[in-house]
């Protein structure tokens, strides 16, 4: 079993993770833009996404979603196509990668597209990753970037924005983070908090209202806040 309990995430990932309680496992979601027909480009994008997720698993960057008290967990990768289902070329990419991995890390494929029937149950909200803070010398700022999981539900995205906002501020002001500030910059430094929302997420009026309130909360402060999409 991989050790997910001494983990260290290196940077904001292009994947997200959630906890599968029924199977006691971490599920790493890898999005794939399938808005165009399958070709070598989509296969290459899929391969790159899978390799990044595998590297994250093998270097213990996953595990934030494991509930307290759990000391045994496995991991699986699930590919999430944004539009159509995976085509044969992309399925072959998964099969080749799976053959290389063996049975240690199963790779699954979800149906194409985010589904409208996704249930808006706050208890089922996907996990927002724990932020990692770095010192940005160029901006003289403590900085963190948080990548949100994708969702079709506007209200859920609004909740995820608030959860990431709270986690980000807590991480930026944690004593371990403040210790990263060079002595000559202490007191004059700023903070940078960036929340990344996937392109496939459905943002509506609730998300917009939440985003505006978060910006307003940080007006005239030392925190530079941005919500990006990509």
Protein backbone atom coordinates (compact mmCIF):
# COMPACT_ATOMS: atom_id res chain seq x y z
CA UNK A 1 0.00 0.00 0.00
CA UNK A 2 1.29 3.47 -0.82
CA UNK A 3 1.98 5.73 2.14
CA UNK A 4 -0.49 8.62 1.91
CA UNK A 5 0.05 9.71 5.51
CA UNK A 6 3.37 11.51 5.13
CA UNK A 7 2.32 13.39 2.04
CA UNK A 8 3.65 16.63 0.62
CA UNK A 9 1.95 18.26 -2.33
CA UNK A 10 4.42 20.12 -4.54
CA UNK A 11 2.14 22.50 -6.45
CA UNK A 12 -1.46 23.14 -7.40
CA UNK A 13 -2.52 20.04 -9.31
CA UNK A 14 -4.63 19.62 -12.43
CA UNK A 15 -6.34 16.68 -10.73
CA UNK A 16 -8.56 16.53 -7.67
CA UNK A 17 -9.15 13.87 -5.08
CA UNK A 18 -12.12 12.58 -3.10
CA UNK A 19 -12.69 9.84 -0.55
CA UNK A 20 -14.58 6.70 -1.57
CA UNK A 21 -15.85 5.46 1.79
CA UNK A 22 -17.48 2.33 0.36
CA UNK A 23 -14.15 1.05 -0.93
CA UNK A 24 -11.81 2.78 1.56
CA UNK A 25 -9.88 4.42 -1.22
CA UNK A 26 -8.76 7.76 -2.59
CA UNK A 27 -10.15 8.53 -6.05
CA UNK A 28 -8.01 10.83 -8.18
CA UNK A 29 -10.17 12.60 -10.77
CA UNK A 30 -8.38 13.47 -14.02
CA UNK A 31 -10.46 15.71 -16.35
CA UNK A 32 -10.12 15.34 -20.11
CA UNK A 33 -11.47 17.88 -22.60
CA UNK A 34 -13.46 15.79 -25.09
CA UNK A 35 -15.19 18.68 -26.84
CA UNK A 36 -13.41 17.69 -30.05
CA UNK A 37 -13.23 14.32 -31.82
CA UNK A 38 -10.65 11.84 -30.59
CA UNK A 39 -7.23 12.32 -32.15
CA UNK A 40 -3.57 12.15 -31.22
CA UNK A 41 -3.89 15.44 -29.33
CA UNK A 42 -6.63 14.19 -27.00
CA UNK A 43 -4.69 10.96 -26.46
CA UNK A 44 -1.58 12.97 -25.58
CA UNK A 45 -3.57 15.16 -23.18
CA UNK A 46 -4.96 12.07 -21.49
CA UNK A 47 -1.52 10.49 -21.24
CA UNK A 48 -0.08 13.67 -19.71
CA UNK A 49 -2.91 13.91 -17.19
CA UNK A 50 -2.53 10.29 -16.16
CA UNK A 51 1.23 10.62 -15.79
CA UNK A 52 0.80 13.67 -13.56
CA UNK A 53 -1.70 11.82 -11.37
CA UNK A 54 0.53 8.75 -11.16
CA UNK A 55 3.51 10.89 -10.20
CA UNK A 56 1.43 12.57 -7.49
CA UNK A 57 0.48 9.17 -6.08
CA UNK A 58 4.00 7.79 -6.20
CA UNK A 59 5.47 10.89 -4.53
CA UNK A 60 2.83 10.95 -1.76
CA UNK A 61 1.15 14.18 -2.85
CA UNK A 62 -2.33 12.70 -2.33
CA UNK A 63 -4.21 11.85 0.82
CA UNK A 64 -5.83 15.11 1.95
CA UNK A 65 -9.27 13.52 1.54
CA UNK A 66 -8.60 10.64 3.98
CA UNK A 67 -10.92 11.06 6.98
CA UNK A 68 -9.45 11.31 10.49
CA UNK A 69 -8.82 7.94 12.09
CA UNK A 70 -8.35 6.06 8.81
CA UNK A 71 -4.94 4.40 8.56
CA UNK A 72 -5.50 2.05 5.60
CA UNK A 73 -6.29 3.29 2.10
CA UNK A 74 -5.83 2.35 -1.53
CA UNK A 75 -6.01 4.65 -4.53
CA UNK A 76 -7.60 4.68 -7.98
CA UNK A 77 -7.57 7.09 -10.92
CA UNK A 78 -10.83 8.04 -12.65
CA UNK A 79 -10.80 9.86 -15.99
CA UNK A 80 -13.66 12.36 -16.40
CA UNK A 81 -14.40 13.25 -20.05
CA UNK A 82 -16.02 16.68 -20.32
CA UNK A 83 -18.32 15.92 -23.26
CA UNK A 84 -18.43 12.67 -25.24
CA UNK A 85 -17.42 9.29 -23.83
CA UNK A 86 -13.84 8.18 -24.38
CA UNK A 87 -13.14 6.94 -27.90
CA UNK A 88 -11.14 3.85 -28.81
CA UNK A 89 -7.86 5.78 -29.15
CA UNK A 90 -8.23 7.21 -25.65
CA UNK A 91 -9.33 3.87 -24.21
CA UNK A 92 -6.20 2.33 -25.68
CA UNK A 93 -4.13 5.00 -23.93
CA UNK A 94 -5.64 3.94 -20.62
CA UNK A 95 -5.06 0.27 -21.38
CA UNK A 96 -1.39 0.88 -22.17
CA UNK A 97 -0.95 2.89 -18.99
CA UNK A 98 -2.80 0.26 -16.95
CA UNK A 99 -0.59 -2.50 -18.35
CA UNK A 100 2.46 -0.55 -17.23
CA UNK A 101 1.04 0.02 -13.73
CA UNK A 102 -0.29 -3.46 -13.18
CA UNK A 103 -3.04 -3.79 -10.59
CA UNK A 104 -1.49 -1.40 -8.06
CA UNK A 105 -3.39 1.67 -9.31
CA UNK A 106 -6.66 0.96 -11.15
CA UNK A 107 -7.62 3.44 -13.88
CA UNK A 108 -11.34 3.93 -14.52
CA UNK A 109 -13.30 6.05 -16.99
CA UNK A 110 -16.45 7.95 -16.02
CA UNK A 111 -19.25 8.50 -18.57
CA UNK A 112 -18.76 11.48 -20.86
CA UNK A 113 -19.78 14.86 -19.54
CA UNK A 114 -20.71 16.19 -16.15
CA UNK A 115 -24.25 15.02 -15.46
CA UNK A 116 -27.17 17.28 -14.66
CA UNK A 117 -28.45 14.70 -12.21
CA UNK A 118 -25.49 15.29 -9.88
CA UNK A 119 -27.01 15.45 -6.39
CA UNK A 120 -26.72 18.73 -4.47
CA UNK A 121 -26.00 17.20 -1.07
CA UNK A 122 -23.51 19.33 0.91
CA UNK A 123 -22.38 16.21 2.73
CA UNK A 124 -21.24 14.85 -0.65
CA UNK A 125 -19.23 17.92 -1.65
CA UNK A 126 -15.83 16.90 -3.05
CA UNK A 127 -12.76 17.56 -0.98
CA UNK A 128 -10.94 20.89 -1.34
CA UNK A 129 -7.20 20.18 -1.21
CA UNK A 130 -5.08 21.48 1.64
CA UNK A 131 -3.18 24.54 0.38
CA UNK A 132 0.60 24.62 0.12
CA UNK A 133 2.17 28.01 0.77
CA UNK A 134 5.33 29.31 -0.87
CA UNK A 135 7.31 32.54 -0.62
CA UNK A 136 7.12 34.56 -3.84
CA UNK A 137 10.27 36.67 -3.84
CA UNK A 138 9.26 38.70 -6.90
CA UNK A 139 6.04 39.89 -5.26
CA UNK A 140 7.36 39.81 -1.69
CA UNK A 141 4.32 37.74 -0.81
CA UNK A 142 3.28 34.46 0.73
CA UNK A 143 1.30 32.73 -2.00
CA UNK A 144 -0.97 29.74 -2.45
CA UNK A 145 -3.08 28.40 -5.31
CA UNK A 146 -6.02 26.03 -4.75
CA UNK A 147 -7.55 24.01 -7.60
CA UNK A 148 -11.25 23.29 -7.07
CA UNK A 149 -12.93 20.02 -8.09
CA UNK A 150 -15.35 20.26 -11.02
CA UNK A 151 -19.11 20.31 -10.46
CA UNK A 152 -22.32 20.91 -12.44
CA UNK A 153 -24.05 22.55 -9.47
CA UNK A 154 -23.80 26.30 -8.98
CA UNK A 155 -24.58 26.12 -5.25
CA UNK A 156 -21.91 23.48 -4.73
CA UNK A 157 -19.32 25.54 -6.54
CA UNK A 158 -20.21 28.49 -4.29
CA UNK A 159 -19.61 26.30 -1.23
CA UNK A 160 -16.31 25.05 -2.66
CA UNK A 161 -15.20 28.64 -3.27
CA UNK A 162 -15.87 29.51 0.38
CA UNK A 163 -14.14 26.36 1.63
CA UNK A 164 -11.06 27.09 -0.48
CA UNK A 165 -11.09 30.74 0.63
CA UNK A 166 -11.17 29.77 4.31
CA UNK A 167 -8.49 27.10 3.88
CA UNK A 168 -6.30 29.47 1.90
CA UNK A 169 -6.41 32.28 4.45
CA UNK A 170 -5.78 29.84 7.30
CA UNK A 171 -2.79 28.40 5.46
CA UNK A 172 -1.33 31.80 4.58
CA UNK A 173 -1.47 33.01 8.19
CA UNK A 174 -0.30 29.76 9.79
CA UNK A 175 2.90 30.14 11.85
CA UNK A 176 4.71 27.66 9.59
CA UNK A 177 3.86 29.82 6.58
CA UNK A 178 4.82 33.08 8.30
CA UNK A 179 8.19 31.53 9.08
CA UNK A 180 8.88 31.51 5.32
CA UNK A 181 8.97 35.32 5.23
CA UNK A 182 12.58 36.61 5.11
CA UNK A 183 13.53 38.83 8.02
CA UNK A 184 14.05 41.85 5.77
CA UNK A 185 10.50 41.51 4.40
CA UNK A 186 8.71 40.90 7.70
CA UNK A 187 5.86 43.34 8.21
CA UNK A 188 6.00 44.63 4.64
CA UNK A 189 5.04 41.40 2.89
CA UNK A 190 1.72 40.68 1.20
CA UNK A 191 -0.39 37.57 0.67
CA UNK A 192 -1.60 36.06 -2.61
CA UNK A 193 -4.56 33.67 -2.74
CA UNK A 194 -5.63 32.20 -6.09
CA UNK A 195 -8.55 29.79 -6.53
CA UNK A 196 -8.68 27.85 -9.81
CA UNK A 197 -12.13 26.81 -11.11
CA UNK A 198 -12.16 24.16 -13.88
CA UNK A 199 -13.60 25.20 -17.25
CA UNK A 200 -16.15 22.40 -17.04
CA UNK A 201 -17.62 23.67 -13.76
CA UNK A 202 -21.06 25.25 -14.11
CA UNK A 203 -20.88 28.66 -12.43
CA UNK A 204 -24.07 30.65 -12.00
CA UNK A 205 -25.49 33.48 -9.89
CA UNK A 206 -24.69 31.80 -6.56
CA UNK A 207 -21.06 31.36 -7.53
CA UNK A 208 -20.89 34.95 -8.78
CA UNK A 209 -22.43 36.29 -5.56
CA UNK A 210 -20.05 34.22 -3.45
CA UNK A 211 -17.04 35.35 -5.47
CA UNK A 212 -18.06 39.00 -5.11
CA UNK A 213 -18.47 38.63 -1.35
CA UNK A 214 -15.02 37.05 -1.03
CA UNK A 215 -13.44 39.88 -3.01
CA UNK A 216 -15.28 42.41 -0.83
CA UNK A 217 -14.07 40.72 2.35
CA UNK A 218 -10.46 41.30 1.30
CA UNK A 219 -10.84 44.86 0.03
CA UNK A 220 -8.16 47.20 1.41
CA UNK A 221 -6.22 44.34 2.98
CA UNK A 222 -2.76 42.89 2.33
CA UNK A 223 -4.30 39.91 0.51
CA UNK A 224 -4.35 39.85 -3.30
CA UNK A 225 -7.21 37.53 -4.22
CA UNK A 226 -8.15 36.10 -7.61
CA UNK A 227 -10.46 33.43 -9.03
CA UNK A 228 -9.23 31.99 -12.33
CA UNK A 229 -10.77 29.56 -14.78
CA UNK A 230 -8.94 27.06 -16.89
